[in-house]
Amino acid sequence: MSSKKKMGLLVMAYGTPYKEEDIERYYTHIRRGRKPEPHMLQDLKDRYEAIGGISPLAKITQEQAEKLGQRLNEIQDDVTFKVYIGLKHIEPFIEDAVADMHKDGITEAVSLVLAPHFSTFSVKSYNKRAKEEADKLGGLTIKSVESWYDEPKFVDYWVTQVKKTYDSMPKEERDDAMLIVSAHSLPEKIKEYGDPYPDQLEESAKLIAEGAGITDYAVGWQSEGNTPDPWLGPDVQDLTRELYQKHPYKAFVYVPAGFVADHLEVLYDNDYECKAVTDEVGASYYRPAMPNAQPEFIDALAAVVLKELDK
């Protein structure tokens, strides 16, 4: 009887507070140990309150990772994957997950960040933290996926959702709608290092719009950080107003393609802040369903992992 090779599957994500009491230490970690000013902390608490008290992200990340492990173990017979979750800003931290793999005797792993576009600021830093911890402990090699925005099954997920949304609209809105594809803004200085992040989002938008047969689309950025440095723009809210001034669209459809789950940036920054702008200009607001742990999305991630192992 041949025994299957055992491999670690390190699924990395940003992390989110598990309960209200976690918000301050979570925000402090994001700010590299600097405690937030009371008004900043209150602003964040108010945003969580507006989406129902706490983000569903922790539960969704857990489900995405577990279902991905199950799917990978169903569709191939060479490897048994064991799933580990490593988070950037709250426990279990990336280093904790790598230490657990090492403790479990895992010698080979593949890592995947739940962010489709590569950036030195985000994906590269996750992978670096995982590899540094693995090197420190010794005896564990990690192959890291860098980006997967152009995985055909992932593009198909969004194409299907966008088509569904357009099909659900009254004809007069469908014929006069603007699609806005967005991702989390990052400091503009990343462009100085030739970071591929902005170009990858442009490419994502093109693949999704072309796949759905849509010609009226634009690319925007959202959820920028609270720092004095300039961030990538245009911001989705400003973009909505600018586009409406040029042409009074009857509807705006928002695809936050840089995200893969319902969380604060989508449930508040899109569903509350962008909707406030569409209400202000008198247009309808639409947002297709996020991937979360939908089977089509899990299949897309499984394809990404297997392709990385085949390299």
Protein backbone atom coordinates (compact mmCIF):
# COMPACT_ATOMS: atom_id res chain seq x y z
CA MET A 1 0.00 0.00 0.00
CA SER A 2 1.56 3.28 -1.10
CA SER A 3 1.39 6.02 1.48
CA LYS A 4 0.45 9.47 0.28
CA LYS A 5 2.82 12.35 0.72
CA LYS A 6 1.73 14.72 3.51
CA MET A 7 1.89 18.42 2.76
CA GLY A 8 0.99 21.59 4.65
CA LEU A 9 -1.45 24.04 3.10
CA LEU A 10 -0.85 27.46 4.65
CA VAL A 11 -3.80 29.75 3.99
CA MET A 12 -2.96 33.33 4.89
CA ALA A 13 -5.28 36.29 5.34
CA TYR A 14 -5.43 39.76 6.89
CA GLY A 15 -7.38 38.75 9.97
CA THR A 16 -10.18 40.56 11.78
CA PRO A 17 -11.27 41.09 15.38
CA TYR A 18 -13.17 38.10 16.78
CA LYS A 19 -15.17 40.27 19.20
CA GLU A 20 -15.48 43.95 20.10
CA GLU A 21 -12.83 43.71 22.84
CA ASP A 22 -10.25 42.71 20.17
CA ILE A 23 -10.68 45.88 18.09
CA GLU A 24 -8.10 48.01 19.92
CA ARG A 25 -5.26 45.44 19.96
CA TYR A 26 -6.03 44.52 16.33
CA TYR A 27 -5.86 48.17 15.25
CA THR A 28 -2.68 48.65 17.34
CA HIS A 29 -1.06 45.72 15.51
CA ILE A 30 -1.99 47.26 12.12
CA ARG A 31 -0.38 50.49 13.33
CA ARG A 32 2.82 48.60 14.22
CA GLY A 33 2.38 48.87 17.96
CA ARG A 34 1.11 52.47 18.08
CA LYS A 35 -2.22 52.68 19.90
CA PRO A 36 -4.93 54.44 17.88
CA GLU A 37 -6.20 57.86 18.99
CA PRO A 38 -9.54 57.54 20.82
CA HIS A 39 -11.48 59.13 17.91
CA MET A 40 -9.89 56.72 15.40
CA LEU A 41 -10.76 53.75 17.57
CA GLN A 42 -14.33 54.99 17.98
CA ASP A 43 -14.65 55.48 14.21
CA LEU A 44 -13.62 51.85 13.63
CA LYS A 45 -16.00 50.61 16.35
CA ASP A 46 -18.84 52.61 14.73
CA ARG A 47 -18.12 51.00 11.36
CA TYR A 48 -18.27 47.52 12.86
CA GLU A 49 -21.48 48.51 14.65
CA ALA A 50 -22.97 49.62 11.31
CA ILE A 51 -22.41 46.14 9.80
CA GLY A 52 -23.95 44.33 12.75
CA GLY A 53 -21.33 44.48 15.49
CA ILE A 54 -18.44 42.42 14.17
CA SER A 55 -17.19 41.26 10.78
CA PRO A 56 -18.11 37.78 9.50
CA LEU A 57 -14.58 37.53 8.03
CA ALA A 58 -13.03 35.25 10.69
CA LYS A 59 -15.72 32.63 10.16
CA ILE A 60 -15.52 32.94 6.35
CA THR A 61 -11.69 32.62 6.30
CA GLN A 62 -11.95 29.47 8.43
CA GLU A 63 -14.57 28.01 6.09
CA GLN A 64 -12.59 28.93 2.95
CA ALA A 65 -9.45 27.23 4.29
CA GLU A 66 -11.24 24.08 5.49
CA LYS A 67 -13.21 23.66 2.26
CA LEU A 68 -10.08 24.23 0.17
CA GLY A 69 -8.26 21.48 2.08
CA GLN A 70 -11.21 19.11 1.65
CA ARG A 71 -11.51 19.88 -2.06
CA LEU A 72 -7.81 19.35 -2.71
CA ASN A 73 -7.91 16.01 -0.91
CA GLU A 74 -10.94 14.97 -3.01
CA ILE A 75 -9.62 15.85 -6.46
CA GLN A 76 -6.14 14.29 -6.40
CA ASP A 77 -4.56 11.17 -4.92
CA ASP A 78 -0.87 12.05 -4.64
CA VAL A 79 -0.85 14.30 -1.60
CA THR A 80 -2.75 14.61 1.67
CA PHE A 81 -3.06 18.28 2.54
CA LYS A 82 -3.27 19.49 6.13
CA VAL A 83 -4.64 23.01 6.49
CA TYR A 84 -3.12 25.76 8.63
CA ILE A 85 -4.41 29.33 8.89
CA GLY A 86 -1.96 32.20 9.41
CA LEU A 87 -3.15 35.78 9.88
CA LYS A 88 -1.33 39.06 9.43
CA HIS A 89 -2.76 41.12 12.28
CA ILE A 90 -4.33 38.80 14.86
CA GLU A 91 -3.80 35.29 16.19
CA PRO A 92 -3.20 32.70 14.85
CA PHE A 93 -0.37 34.77 13.35
CA ILE A 94 1.50 33.55 10.25
CA GLU A 95 4.46 32.56 12.47
CA ASP A 96 2.14 30.52 14.74
CA ALA A 97 0.84 28.54 11.76
CA VAL A 98 4.37 27.84 10.49
CA ALA A 99 5.44 26.74 14.00
CA ASP A 100 2.43 24.37 14.12
CA MET A 101 3.42 22.84 10.76
CA HIS A 102 6.95 22.33 12.02
CA LYS A 103 5.66 20.76 15.25
CA ASP A 104 3.46 18.40 13.19
CA GLY A 105 6.51 17.19 11.26
CA ILE A 106 5.49 18.84 7.97
CA THR A 107 8.55 19.24 5.73
CA GLU A 108 6.86 20.65 2.60
CA ALA A 109 4.06 23.19 2.32
CA VAL A 110 2.36 25.43 -0.18
CA SER A 111 1.17 28.87 0.87
CA LEU A 112 -1.68 30.91 -0.55
CA VAL A 113 -2.76 34.41 0.44
CA LEU A 114 -6.49 35.11 0.17
CA ALA A 115 -5.78 38.15 -2.00
CA PRO A 116 -5.77 37.62 -5.77
CA HIS A 117 -3.35 40.40 -6.83
CA PHE A 118 0.37 40.46 -6.00
CA SER A 119 1.84 43.43 -4.21
CA THR A 120 5.14 43.96 -2.43
CA PHE A 121 3.11 45.63 0.31
CA SER A 122 0.74 42.73 0.95
CA VAL A 123 1.25 39.29 -0.61
CA LYS A 124 5.05 39.55 -0.66
CA SER A 125 5.12 40.47 3.05
CA TYR A 126 2.90 37.48 4.00
CA ASN A 127 5.08 35.04 2.07
CA LYS A 128 8.24 36.60 3.50
CA ARG A 129 7.01 36.20 7.08
CA ALA A 130 6.12 32.54 6.44
CA LYS A 131 9.47 31.75 4.82
CA GLU A 132 11.52 33.56 7.46
CA GLU A 133 9.81 31.58 10.22
CA ALA A 134 10.29 28.30 8.28
CA ASP A 135 14.00 29.09 7.78
CA LYS A 136 14.39 29.92 11.47
CA LEU A 137 12.85 26.58 12.51
CA GLY A 138 14.57 24.56 9.76
CA GLY A 139 13.48 21.45 7.87
CA LEU A 140 10.42 23.03 6.23
CA THR A 141 10.23 24.37 2.68
CA ILE A 142 7.31 26.50 1.52
CA LYS A 143 6.28 27.09 -2.09
CA SER A 144 4.29 30.32 -2.31
CA VAL A 145 1.60 31.34 -4.77
CA GLU A 146 2.25 34.95 -5.77
CA SER A 147 -0.96 35.94 -7.57
CA TRP A 148 -4.01 34.24 -8.99
CA TYR A 149 -6.29 37.04 -10.26
CA ASP A 150 -6.12 35.59 -13.78
CA GLU A 151 -6.99 31.99 -12.82
CA PRO A 152 -9.75 31.24 -15.39
CA LYS A 153 -12.05 29.68 -12.76
CA PHE A 154 -11.73 32.79 -10.58
CA VAL A 155 -12.48 35.11 -13.52
CA ASP A 156 -15.46 32.86 -14.38
CA TYR A 157 -16.78 33.24 -10.83
CA TRP A 158 -16.96 37.02 -11.22
CA VAL A 159 -18.23 36.88 -14.81
CA THR A 160 -21.13 34.65 -13.69
CA GLN A 161 -21.96 36.93 -10.74
CA VAL A 162 -21.81 40.09 -12.86
CA LYS A 163 -24.06 38.55 -15.52
CA LYS A 164 -26.53 37.48 -12.79
CA THR A 165 -26.58 41.02 -11.42
CA TYR A 166 -27.13 42.62 -14.84
CA ASP A 167 -29.85 40.07 -15.62
CA SER A 168 -31.64 41.01 -12.39
CA MET A 169 -31.77 44.73 -13.31
CA PRO A 170 -34.71 46.42 -15.04
CA LYS A 171 -33.90 46.89 -18.75
CA GLU A 172 -33.58 50.69 -18.55
CA GLU A 173 -30.93 50.30 -15.81
CA ARG A 174 -29.13 47.42 -17.52
CA ASP A 175 -28.82 49.51 -20.70
CA ASP A 176 -27.39 52.46 -18.79
CA ALA A 177 -25.14 50.97 -16.08
CA MET A 178 -21.49 51.46 -15.16
CA LEU A 179 -19.38 48.63 -13.75
CA ILE A 180 -16.70 49.67 -11.23
CA VAL A 181 -14.02 47.08 -10.41
CA SER A 182 -11.97 47.87 -7.30
CA ALA A 183 -9.35 46.65 -4.85
CA HIS A 184 -7.88 47.91 -1.59
CA SER A 185 -5.86 51.04 -2.20
CA LEU A 186 -2.17 51.01 -1.25
CA PRO A 187 0.34 53.85 -0.83
CA GLU A 188 1.18 55.37 -4.23
CA LYS A 189 4.90 54.90 -3.54
CA ILE A 190 4.57 51.20 -4.54
CA LYS A 191 4.64 52.43 -8.17
CA GLU A 192 8.22 53.64 -7.67
CA TYR A 193 9.30 50.00 -7.20
CA GLY A 194 7.46 48.86 -10.34
CA ASP A 195 4.89 47.02 -8.21
CA PRO A 196 2.54 45.03 -10.49
CA TYR A 197 -0.53 45.59 -8.24
CA PRO A 198 -2.20 48.45 -10.21
CA ASP A 199 -1.66 46.70 -13.57
CA GLN A 200 -3.03 43.41 -12.23
CA LEU A 201 -6.24 45.14 -11.11
CA GLU A 202 -6.60 46.76 -14.55
CA GLU A 203 -6.18 43.32 -16.10
CA SER A 204 -8.73 41.81 -13.69
CA ALA A 205 -11.28 44.47 -14.65
CA LYS A 206 -10.69 43.83 -18.36
CA LEU A 207 -11.04 40.04 -17.98
CA ILE A 208 -14.26 40.37 -15.95
CA ALA A 209 -15.85 43.04 -18.17
CA GLU A 210 -14.95 41.25 -21.41
CA GLY A 211 -16.16 37.92 -20.05
CA ALA A 212 -19.49 39.47 -19.08
CA GLY A 213 -19.78 41.37 -22.38
CA ILE A 214 -19.67 44.81 -20.73
CA THR A 215 -18.06 47.81 -22.37
CA ASP A 216 -18.86 50.49 -19.78
CA TYR A 217 -16.49 49.80 -16.93
CA ALA A 218 -13.91 51.63 -14.83
CA VAL A 219 -11.24 50.81 -12.25
CA GLY A 220 -11.24 52.37 -8.79
CA TRP A 221 -9.57 52.01 -5.42
CA GLN A 222 -11.13 51.84 -1.97
CA SER A 223 -10.65 51.67 1.79
CA GLU A 224 -7.40 53.69 1.81
CA GLY A 225 -5.48 53.93 5.05
CA ASN A 226 -5.41 56.84 7.45
CA THR A 227 -1.90 58.16 6.71
CA PRO A 228 -0.57 61.43 5.28
CA ASP A 229 1.01 59.69 2.23
CA PRO A 230 -0.86 59.74 -1.08
CA TRP A 231 -2.70 56.48 -1.87
CA LEU A 232 -3.64 54.93 -5.21
CA GLY A 233 -6.72 56.56 -6.75
CA PRO A 234 -9.30 57.41 -7.90
CA ASP A 235 -11.28 56.46 -4.81
CA VAL A 236 -14.48 54.60 -5.76
CA GLN A 237 -16.73 57.27 -4.24
CA ASP A 238 -15.04 60.14 -6.11
CA LEU A 239 -15.00 58.00 -9.25
CA THR A 240 -18.75 57.38 -8.99
CA ARG A 241 -19.44 61.13 -8.81
CA GLU A 242 -17.03 61.91 -11.68
CA LEU A 243 -18.55 59.25 -13.93
CA TYR A 244 -22.08 60.43 -13.11
CA GLN A 245 -21.16 64.03 -13.96
CA LYS A 246 -19.94 62.92 -17.41
CA HIS A 247 -23.00 60.74 -17.99
CA PRO A 248 -25.98 60.31 -15.61
CA TYR A 249 -25.91 56.52 -15.37
CA LYS A 250 -29.05 54.90 -14.01
CA ALA A 251 -27.11 52.25 -12.10
CA PHE A 252 -23.63 51.50 -10.75
CA VAL A 253 -22.42 47.93 -10.22
CA TYR A 254 -19.50 47.48 -7.80
CA VAL A 255 -17.16 44.48 -8.02
CA PRO A 256 -14.56 44.61 -5.21
CA ALA A 257 -12.41 42.05 -7.05
CA GLY A 258 -9.42 42.56 -4.76
CA PHE A 259 -11.39 40.98 -1.92
CA VAL A 260 -12.77 37.46 -1.57
CA ALA A 261 -15.18 37.72 1.36
CA ASP A 262 -17.89 39.76 3.02
CA HIS A 263 -16.04 41.96 5.48
CA LEU A 264 -15.85 45.56 6.70
CA GLU A 265 -14.36 46.97 3.48
CA VAL A 266 -17.21 45.50 1.43
CA LEU A 267 -20.14 45.62 3.86
CA TYR A 268 -19.35 49.19 4.95
CA ASP A 269 -17.13 50.84 2.33
CA ASN A 270 -19.17 49.49 -0.58
CA ASP A 271 -22.64 48.74 0.74
CA TYR A 272 -22.84 51.83 2.93
CA GLU A 273 -20.43 54.47 1.59
CA CYS A 274 -20.75 53.77 -2.16
CA LYS A 275 -24.50 53.34 -1.79
CA ALA A 276 -24.66 56.76 -0.09
CA VAL A 277 -23.09 58.24 -3.25
CA THR A 278 -25.44 56.43 -5.66
CA ASP A 279 -28.39 57.58 -3.50
CA GLU A 280 -27.02 61.14 -3.61
CA VAL A 281 -26.84 61.17 -7.45
CA GLY A 282 -30.11 59.26 -7.87
CA ALA A 283 -28.72 56.04 -9.38
CA SER A 284 -29.31 52.42 -8.27
CA TYR A 285 -26.64 50.50 -6.36
CA TYR A 286 -25.72 46.89 -7.11
CA ARG A 287 -22.97 44.60 -5.82
CA PRO A 288 -22.62 40.98 -6.97
CA ALA A 289 -22.17 38.30 -4.28
CA MET A 290 -18.66 37.89 -2.87
CA PRO A 291 -16.86 34.54 -3.38
CA ASN A 292 -16.84 33.59 0.35
CA ALA A 293 -16.85 29.76 0.43
CA GLN A 294 -18.90 29.24 -2.75
CA PRO A 295 -17.95 25.92 -4.42
CA GLU A 296 -16.91 27.65 -7.69
CA PHE A 297 -14.47 29.82 -5.77
CA ILE A 298 -13.06 26.90 -3.77
CA ASP A 299 -12.53 25.07 -7.09
CA ALA A 300 -10.65 28.09 -8.41
CA LEU A 301 -8.34 28.14 -5.36
CA ALA A 302 -7.75 24.38 -5.66
CA ALA A 303 -6.70 24.86 -9.30
CA VAL A 304 -4.31 27.63 -8.23
CA VAL A 305 -2.65 25.43 -5.57
CA LEU A 306 -2.23 22.44 -7.90
CA LYS A 307 -0.76 24.62 -10.66
CA GLU A 308 1.79 26.01 -8.17
CA LEU A 309 2.83 22.48 -7.21
CA ASP A 310 3.22 21.53 -10.88
CA LYS A 311 5.68 24.36 -11.51
